[in-house]
């Protein structure tokens, strides 16, 4: 997740015209999760259900890290 956070800083997603963070935050989580899954695919991609579970798990991890920063 750390690498995905570095690639997608908050400043790339904040748009004051959208108002609250609820407008732009999901896009940031999705981008971080996508990158995290891509980084894990070489090592874990051959495991059963990786493609089905990894994106949602990565998004949850990104949200958890954000929540505890």
C-alpha atoms as a PDB file:
ATOM      1  CA  UNK A   1       0.000   0.000   0.000  1.00  0.00           C
ATOM      2  CA  UNK A   2       2.850   2.371   0.737  1.00  0.00           C
ATOM      3  CA  UNK A   3       3.988   2.320  -2.875  1.00  0.00           C
ATOM      4  CA  UNK A   4       0.445   2.898  -4.115  1.00  0.00           C
ATOM      5  CA  UNK A   5       0.017   5.847  -1.726  1.00  0.00           C
ATOM      6  CA  UNK A   6       3.208   7.442  -3.036  1.00  0.00           C
ATOM      7  CA  UNK A   7       2.027   7.144  -6.635  1.00  0.00           C
ATOM      8  CA  UNK A   8      -1.388   8.667  -5.843  1.00  0.00           C
ATOM      9  CA  UNK A   9      -1.012  11.700  -3.556  1.00  0.00           C
ATOM     10  CA  UNK A  10      -4.109  13.409  -2.207  1.00  0.00           C
ATOM     11  CA  UNK A  11      -3.366  16.510  -4.242  1.00  0.00           C
ATOM     12  CA  UNK A  12      -4.059  14.584  -7.474  1.00  0.00           C
ATOM     13  CA  UNK A  13      -7.659  13.944  -6.451  1.00  0.00           C
ATOM     14  CA  UNK A  14      -8.875  16.914  -4.421  1.00  0.00           C
ATOM     15  CA  UNK A  15     -11.196  19.103  -6.413  1.00  0.00           C
ATOM     16  CA  UNK A  16     -12.745  21.942  -4.393  1.00  0.00           C
ATOM     17  CA  UNK A  17     -15.534  22.317  -6.925  1.00  0.00           C
ATOM     18  CA  UNK A  18     -16.794  18.852  -6.004  1.00  0.00           C
ATOM     19  CA  UNK A  19     -17.398  19.829  -2.412  1.00  0.00           C
ATOM     20  CA  UNK A  20     -17.007  17.108   0.193  1.00  0.00           C
ATOM     21  CA  UNK A  21     -14.406  14.365   0.049  1.00  0.00           C
ATOM     22  CA  UNK A  22     -17.157  11.857  -0.734  1.00  0.00           C
ATOM     23  CA  UNK A  23     -17.028  13.032  -4.352  1.00  0.00           C
ATOM     24  CA  UNK A  24     -13.339  12.363  -5.015  1.00  0.00           C
ATOM     25  CA  UNK A  25     -12.291   9.891  -2.316  1.00  0.00           C
ATOM     26  CA  UNK A  26     -13.696   6.735  -4.011  1.00  0.00           C
ATOM     27  CA  UNK A  27     -11.627   7.427  -7.133  1.00  0.00           C
ATOM     28  CA  UNK A  28      -8.487   7.700  -5.039  1.00  0.00           C
ATOM     29  CA  UNK A  29      -9.216   4.450  -3.198  1.00  0.00           C
ATOM     30  CA  UNK A  30      -9.868   2.636  -6.467  1.00  0.00           C
ATOM     31  CA  UNK A  31      -6.622   3.874  -8.026  1.00  0.00           C
ATOM     32  CA  UNK A  32      -4.574   2.881  -4.976  1.00  0.00           C
ATOM     33  CA  UNK A  33      -6.226  -0.523  -4.812  1.00  0.00           C
ATOM     34  CA  UNK A  34      -5.595  -1.142  -8.513  1.00  0.00           C
ATOM     35  CA  UNK A  35      -1.897  -0.348  -8.134  1.00  0.00           C
ATOM     36  CA  UNK A  36      -1.592  -2.444  -4.982  1.00  0.00           C
ATOM     37  CA  UNK A  37      -3.141  -5.441  -6.754  1.00  0.00           C
ATOM     38  CA  UNK A  38      -0.776  -5.010  -9.709  1.00  0.00           C
ATOM     39  CA  UNK A  39       2.199  -4.934  -7.330  1.00  0.00           C
ATOM     40  CA  UNK A  40       1.043  -8.141  -5.614  1.00  0.00           C
ATOM     41  CA  UNK A  41       0.079 -10.028  -8.793  1.00  0.00           C
ATOM     42  CA  UNK A  42       3.588 -11.350  -9.627  1.00  0.00           C
ATOM     43  CA  UNK A  43       3.915 -13.003  -6.220  1.00  0.00           C
ATOM     44  CA  UNK A  44       0.315 -14.002  -5.431  1.00  0.00           C
ATOM     45  CA  UNK A  45      -1.555 -13.900  -8.748  1.00  0.00           C
ATOM     46  CA  UNK A  46      -1.463 -17.657  -9.254  1.00  0.00           C
ATOM     47  CA  UNK A  47      -3.298 -18.325  -5.991  1.00  0.00           C
ATOM     48  CA  UNK A  48      -6.923 -19.389  -5.949  1.00  0.00           C
ATOM     49  CA  UNK A  49      -9.375 -16.463  -6.002  1.00  0.00           C
ATOM     50  CA  UNK A  50      -6.685 -13.772  -6.207  1.00  0.00           C
ATOM     51  CA  UNK A  51      -8.545 -11.941  -8.962  1.00  0.00           C
ATOM     52  CA  UNK A  52     -11.852 -12.176  -7.108  1.00  0.00           C
ATOM     53  CA  UNK A  53     -10.653 -11.059  -3.687  1.00  0.00           C
ATOM     54  CA  UNK A  54      -7.543  -8.913  -4.098  1.00  0.00           C
ATOM     55  CA  UNK A  55      -9.200  -5.718  -5.437  1.00  0.00           C
ATOM     56  CA  UNK A  56     -11.721  -5.468  -2.589  1.00  0.00           C
ATOM     57  CA  UNK A  57      -9.099  -6.375   0.007  1.00  0.00           C
ATOM     58  CA  UNK A  58      -6.699  -3.766  -1.365  1.00  0.00           C
ATOM     59  CA  UNK A  59      -9.414  -1.110  -1.285  1.00  0.00           C
ATOM     60  CA  UNK A  60     -10.233  -2.006   2.323  1.00  0.00           C
ATOM     61  CA  UNK A  61      -6.538  -1.816   3.220  1.00  0.00           C
ATOM     62  CA  UNK A  62      -6.244   1.598   1.548  1.00  0.00           C
ATOM     63  CA  UNK A  63      -9.243   2.885   3.479  1.00  0.00           C
ATOM     64  CA  UNK A  64      -7.910   1.480   6.763  1.00  0.00           C
ATOM     65  CA  UNK A  65      -4.505   3.087   6.267  1.00  0.00           C
ATOM     66  CA  UNK A  66      -6.226   6.389   5.413  1.00  0.00           C
ATOM     67  CA  UNK A  67      -8.436   6.166   8.498  1.00  0.00           C
ATOM     68  CA  UNK A  68      -5.505   5.678  10.864  1.00  0.00           C
ATOM     69  CA  UNK A  69      -3.169   8.315   9.437  1.00  0.00           C
END
